[in-house]
Amino acid sequence: MTPALNDHAAVEHHRQVRHGEIDPEQGRRPQHLKHGDDPTRTQLIRLYAQYEQACARAGVTTGEWAGVLREVFGEYRAPTGVAGAGGVIDASAVRERVKAVGAQLGRPLRFLVGKPGLDGHSNGAEQIAVRARDAGFEVVYSGIRLTPGQIVNAAIEEDVDIVGLSVLSGSHLSVVPLVVEGLREGGLLDVPVVVGGIIPEADARALRAGGVARVFTPRDFAIADVLGQVVDAIEEARGLR
């Protein structure tokens, strides 16, 4: 196994330099830095170069280096744009259906919106998440660049009724089946998966054959109709129609 940075010493040293706690050359707090100021750019470049060389010599992988950084600094999750957002669509009919199906199941419908893979285009997913919330769904949305495993775990933990995946990176035939399979393995046999993205018809047929309930493309721009089909998929999966 490739050796990692022992005791996170290098990353911790970097953090101390970033916060002005020590001088990278002398191992003490720089006298010329005020509390909270960053060291100079030259100091940071020199420090990065030293760490890169040490990691290269030790055979440390990018994944190991990034993992240590995440343990020390945490993982950044960008704001999703869903909280506080709103808009107007004619969703009264969908809202009544969401309410009625929720009453049959004994709780409000829960809709997980997921962005799997390295796709960073979040606007479409956030539009669906906001409109679904306005239509009466309880929406679970954790932002972009999630793994299929993270989406499956969220579906299980949040006890959702449907999973919607937005994939604009072209990886739909790779990541979507992993989510479908993970849900089945997790016992969520009655939780349908719907997918939206730039998806050719041949790929859409393959996804539907693999268990995806609905496939949406840019042709499906009427959000109220999309949400109506989401309710349809829930009813079909639960034997309500």
Protein backbone atom coordinates (compact mmCIF):
# COMPACT_ATOMS: atom_id res chain seq x y z
CA MET A 1 0.00 0.00 0.00
CA THR A 2 1.30 3.46 -0.85
CA PRO A 3 2.52 5.26 2.28
CA ALA A 4 0.39 8.20 3.38
CA LEU A 5 1.48 11.31 5.27
CA ASN A 6 2.20 10.12 8.81
CA ASP A 7 0.02 11.79 11.44
CA HIS A 8 -1.07 14.38 8.87
CA ALA A 9 2.05 16.35 9.84
CA ALA A 10 2.53 18.05 6.50
CA VAL A 11 -1.08 19.16 6.18
CA GLU A 12 -1.22 20.35 9.78
CA HIS A 13 1.96 22.34 9.21
CA HIS A 14 0.36 23.90 6.13
CA ARG A 15 -2.71 24.84 8.15
CA GLN A 16 -0.54 26.51 10.81
CA VAL A 17 1.31 28.50 8.17
CA ARG A 18 -1.96 29.52 6.50
CA HIS A 19 -3.24 30.88 9.80
CA GLY A 20 0.01 32.57 10.67
CA GLU A 21 0.73 30.35 13.66
CA ILE A 22 4.28 29.49 12.56
CA ASP A 23 6.88 30.70 10.10
CA PRO A 24 7.64 28.06 7.45
CA GLU A 25 11.35 28.90 7.60
CA GLN A 26 11.88 29.30 11.35
CA GLY A 27 9.05 27.27 12.88
CA ARG A 28 7.64 30.22 14.83
CA ARG A 29 4.86 32.77 14.44
CA PRO A 30 5.97 35.49 12.00
CA GLN A 31 6.33 38.78 13.78
CA HIS A 32 5.30 40.78 10.74
CA LEU A 33 1.92 39.07 10.42
CA LYS A 34 -1.12 40.41 12.20
CA HIS A 35 -3.58 37.95 13.74
CA GLY A 36 -5.68 36.32 11.03
CA ASP A 37 -3.48 37.45 8.10
CA ASP A 38 -2.17 34.91 5.57
CA PRO A 39 1.53 34.45 4.85
CA THR A 40 2.90 35.80 1.61
CA ARG A 41 2.24 34.09 -1.68
CA THR A 42 5.94 33.26 -2.00
CA GLN A 43 5.92 31.38 1.30
CA LEU A 44 2.92 29.30 0.24
CA ILE A 45 4.41 28.47 -3.16
CA ARG A 46 7.63 27.34 -1.48
CA LEU A 47 5.65 25.26 1.01
CA TYR A 48 3.52 23.59 -1.67
CA ALA A 49 6.64 22.76 -3.67
CA GLN A 50 8.25 21.12 -0.64
CA TYR A 51 5.17 18.98 0.03
CA GLU A 52 4.73 18.00 -3.60
CA GLN A 53 8.34 16.81 -3.80
CA ALA A 54 8.05 14.87 -0.53
CA CYS A 55 4.80 13.23 -1.64
CA ALA A 56 6.24 12.33 -5.05
CA ARG A 57 9.28 10.71 -3.48
CA ALA A 58 7.11 8.75 -1.03
CA GLY A 59 4.75 7.60 -3.77
CA VAL A 60 1.70 9.30 -2.25
CA THR A 61 -1.28 9.28 -4.60
CA THR A 62 -3.52 12.24 -5.35
CA GLY A 63 -6.39 10.45 -3.63
CA GLU A 64 -4.39 9.94 -0.44
CA TRP A 65 -3.21 13.56 -0.42
CA ALA A 66 -6.76 14.83 -1.02
CA GLY A 67 -8.11 12.51 1.67
CA VAL A 68 -5.77 13.94 4.28
CA LEU A 69 -6.71 17.48 3.24
CA ARG A 70 -10.40 16.66 3.64
CA GLU A 71 -9.79 15.17 7.09
CA VAL A 72 -7.99 18.31 8.25
CA PHE A 73 -10.01 21.03 6.53
CA GLY A 74 -13.33 19.28 5.86
CA GLU A 75 -15.12 18.90 2.52
CA TYR A 76 -16.63 21.99 0.92
CA ARG A 77 -20.21 21.72 -0.27
CA ALA A 78 -21.35 24.68 -2.32
CA PRO A 79 -24.76 26.29 -1.61
CA THR A 80 -27.38 24.55 -3.68
CA GLY A 81 -29.54 27.53 -4.60
CA VAL A 82 -32.66 25.70 -3.45
CA ALA A 83 -33.16 27.18 0.02
CA GLY A 84 -35.08 30.43 -0.21
CA ALA A 85 -35.70 30.08 -3.93
CA GLY A 86 -39.17 30.21 -5.34
CA GLY A 87 -41.17 30.78 -8.45
CA VAL A 88 -44.60 30.53 -10.01
CA ILE A 89 -45.88 27.61 -12.05
CA ASP A 90 -49.40 26.35 -12.41
CA ALA A 91 -48.96 23.27 -10.24
CA SER A 92 -52.34 23.25 -8.52
CA ALA A 93 -53.38 19.95 -10.12
CA VAL A 94 -50.04 18.33 -9.26
CA ARG A 95 -50.22 19.72 -5.74
CA GLU A 96 -53.59 18.07 -5.20
CA ARG A 97 -52.23 14.75 -6.49
CA VAL A 98 -49.16 14.98 -4.26
CA LYS A 99 -51.40 15.63 -1.30
CA ALA A 100 -53.77 12.77 -2.18
CA VAL A 101 -51.02 10.17 -2.72
CA GLY A 102 -49.31 11.31 0.46
CA ALA A 103 -52.55 10.78 2.34
CA GLN A 104 -52.77 7.24 0.97
CA LEU A 105 -49.22 6.51 2.14
CA GLY A 106 -49.75 8.22 5.49
CA ARG A 107 -47.08 10.94 5.09
CA PRO A 108 -45.93 13.65 2.66
CA LEU A 109 -44.18 12.41 -0.47
CA ARG A 110 -40.38 12.67 -0.28
CA PHE A 111 -38.43 13.37 -3.47
CA LEU A 112 -34.64 12.94 -3.56
CA VAL A 113 -32.95 14.94 -6.33
CA GLY A 114 -29.40 13.75 -7.02
CA LYS A 115 -26.50 14.89 -9.21
CA PRO A 116 -24.20 11.87 -9.64
CA GLY A 117 -20.70 11.96 -11.07
CA LEU A 118 -18.58 14.98 -12.01
CA ASP A 119 -21.40 16.90 -13.66
CA GLY A 120 -21.31 20.46 -12.28
CA HIS A 121 -24.37 21.83 -14.09
CA SER A 122 -26.92 22.18 -11.31
CA ASN A 123 -29.53 24.61 -12.65
CA GLY A 124 -31.92 21.98 -14.01
CA ALA A 125 -31.79 19.88 -10.85
CA GLU A 126 -32.35 22.94 -8.67
CA GLN A 127 -35.30 24.05 -10.81
CA ILE A 128 -36.94 20.65 -10.34
CA ALA A 129 -36.14 20.64 -6.61
CA VAL A 130 -37.68 24.09 -6.09
CA ARG A 131 -40.79 23.37 -8.16
CA ALA A 132 -41.29 20.00 -6.50
CA ARG A 133 -41.15 21.66 -3.10
CA ASP A 134 -43.70 24.23 -4.27
CA ALA A 135 -45.93 21.36 -5.42
CA GLY A 136 -45.96 19.84 -1.94
CA PHE A 137 -43.10 17.35 -2.03
CA GLU A 138 -40.58 17.16 0.77
CA VAL A 139 -37.36 17.57 -1.21
CA VAL A 140 -33.94 16.15 -0.37
CA TYR A 141 -31.13 17.78 -2.37
CA SER A 142 -27.47 17.77 -1.34
CA GLY A 143 -25.86 19.47 -4.32
CA ILE A 144 -23.57 18.31 -7.10
CA ARG A 145 -20.87 15.68 -7.59
CA LEU A 146 -22.32 12.90 -5.47
CA THR A 147 -21.35 9.26 -5.84
CA PRO A 148 -24.04 6.68 -6.61
CA GLY A 149 -23.38 5.24 -3.15
CA GLN A 150 -24.01 8.59 -1.47
CA ILE A 151 -27.30 8.95 -3.33
CA VAL A 152 -28.41 5.44 -2.36
CA ASN A 153 -27.48 6.02 1.29
CA ALA A 154 -29.42 9.29 1.30
CA ALA A 155 -32.47 7.56 -0.17
CA ILE A 156 -32.34 4.93 2.57
CA GLU A 157 -31.69 7.36 5.42
CA GLU A 158 -34.31 9.87 4.28
CA ASP A 159 -36.92 7.18 3.50
CA VAL A 160 -37.78 8.77 0.16
CA ASP A 161 -40.55 7.78 -2.22
CA ILE A 162 -38.71 8.53 -5.46
CA VAL A 163 -35.18 9.32 -6.67
CA GLY A 164 -34.63 11.81 -9.48
CA LEU A 165 -31.20 11.94 -11.14
CA SER A 166 -29.92 14.80 -13.26
CA VAL A 167 -27.03 13.81 -15.56
CA LEU A 168 -25.68 16.25 -18.15
CA SER A 169 -22.17 14.82 -18.40
CA GLY A 170 -22.99 11.94 -20.75
CA SER A 171 -22.30 9.37 -18.03
CA HIS A 172 -25.94 8.31 -17.61
CA LEU A 173 -25.32 4.75 -18.80
CA SER A 174 -22.57 4.38 -16.19
CA VAL A 175 -23.89 6.08 -13.05
CA VAL A 176 -27.65 5.56 -13.28
CA PRO A 177 -27.53 1.72 -13.25
CA LEU A 178 -25.33 1.90 -10.13
CA VAL A 179 -28.03 3.88 -8.33
CA VAL A 180 -30.80 1.54 -9.50
CA GLU A 181 -28.79 -1.50 -8.41
CA GLY A 182 -27.89 0.09 -5.08
CA LEU A 183 -31.54 0.83 -4.30
CA ARG A 184 -32.49 -2.76 -5.07
CA GLU A 185 -29.70 -4.11 -2.91
CA GLY A 186 -30.81 -1.74 -0.13
CA GLY A 187 -34.32 -3.18 -0.23
CA LEU A 188 -35.97 -0.11 -1.78
CA LEU A 189 -37.78 -2.09 -4.45
CA ASP A 190 -40.76 0.28 -4.44
CA VAL A 191 -38.70 3.47 -4.88
CA PRO A 192 -38.69 4.37 -8.58
CA VAL A 193 -35.85 6.21 -10.32
CA VAL A 194 -36.43 8.95 -12.88
CA VAL A 195 -33.64 10.54 -14.91
CA GLY A 196 -33.23 13.84 -16.71
CA GLY A 197 -30.45 14.99 -19.02
CA ILE A 198 -29.09 15.12 -22.54
CA ILE A 199 -29.98 11.52 -23.30
CA PRO A 200 -30.29 10.03 -26.81
CA GLU A 201 -33.37 7.92 -27.42
CA ALA A 202 -31.35 4.72 -27.73
CA ASP A 203 -29.83 5.36 -24.31
CA ALA A 204 -33.25 6.24 -22.90
CA ARG A 205 -34.56 2.85 -24.05
CA ALA A 206 -31.60 1.15 -22.39
CA LEU A 207 -32.22 3.01 -19.12
CA ARG A 208 -35.92 2.12 -19.13
CA ALA A 209 -35.06 -1.52 -19.84
CA GLY A 210 -32.72 -1.39 -16.83
CA GLY A 211 -35.48 -0.31 -14.46
CA VAL A 212 -35.67 3.48 -14.80
CA ALA A 213 -39.28 4.61 -14.55
CA ARG A 214 -39.09 7.81 -16.61
CA VAL A 215 -36.48 9.54 -18.77
CA PHE A 216 -36.75 13.29 -19.35
CA THR A 217 -34.87 15.32 -21.96
CA PRO A 218 -34.87 19.02 -22.93
CA ARG A 219 -38.09 18.35 -24.83
CA ASP A 220 -39.79 17.95 -21.44
CA PHE A 221 -39.65 21.62 -20.51
CA ALA A 222 -43.10 21.84 -18.89
CA ILE A 223 -42.17 21.32 -15.25
CA ALA A 224 -45.76 20.75 -14.10
CA ASP A 225 -46.03 17.86 -16.59
CA VAL A 226 -42.69 16.44 -15.39
CA LEU A 227 -43.86 16.53 -11.78
CA GLY A 228 -47.12 14.89 -12.81
CA GLN A 229 -45.13 12.01 -14.30
CA VAL A 230 -43.10 11.81 -11.09
CA VAL A 231 -46.35 11.25 -9.19
CA ASP A 232 -47.36 8.68 -11.83
CA ALA A 233 -44.12 6.78 -11.20
CA ILE A 234 -44.73 6.72 -7.44
CA GLU A 235 -48.29 5.46 -7.90
CA GLU A 236 -47.13 2.72 -10.27
CA ALA A 237 -44.33 1.59 -7.94
CA ARG A 238 -46.72 1.44 -4.96
CA GLY A 239 -49.53 -0.24 -6.85
CA LEU A 240 -51.86 2.72 -6.45
CA ARG A 241 -53.04 2.82 -10.05
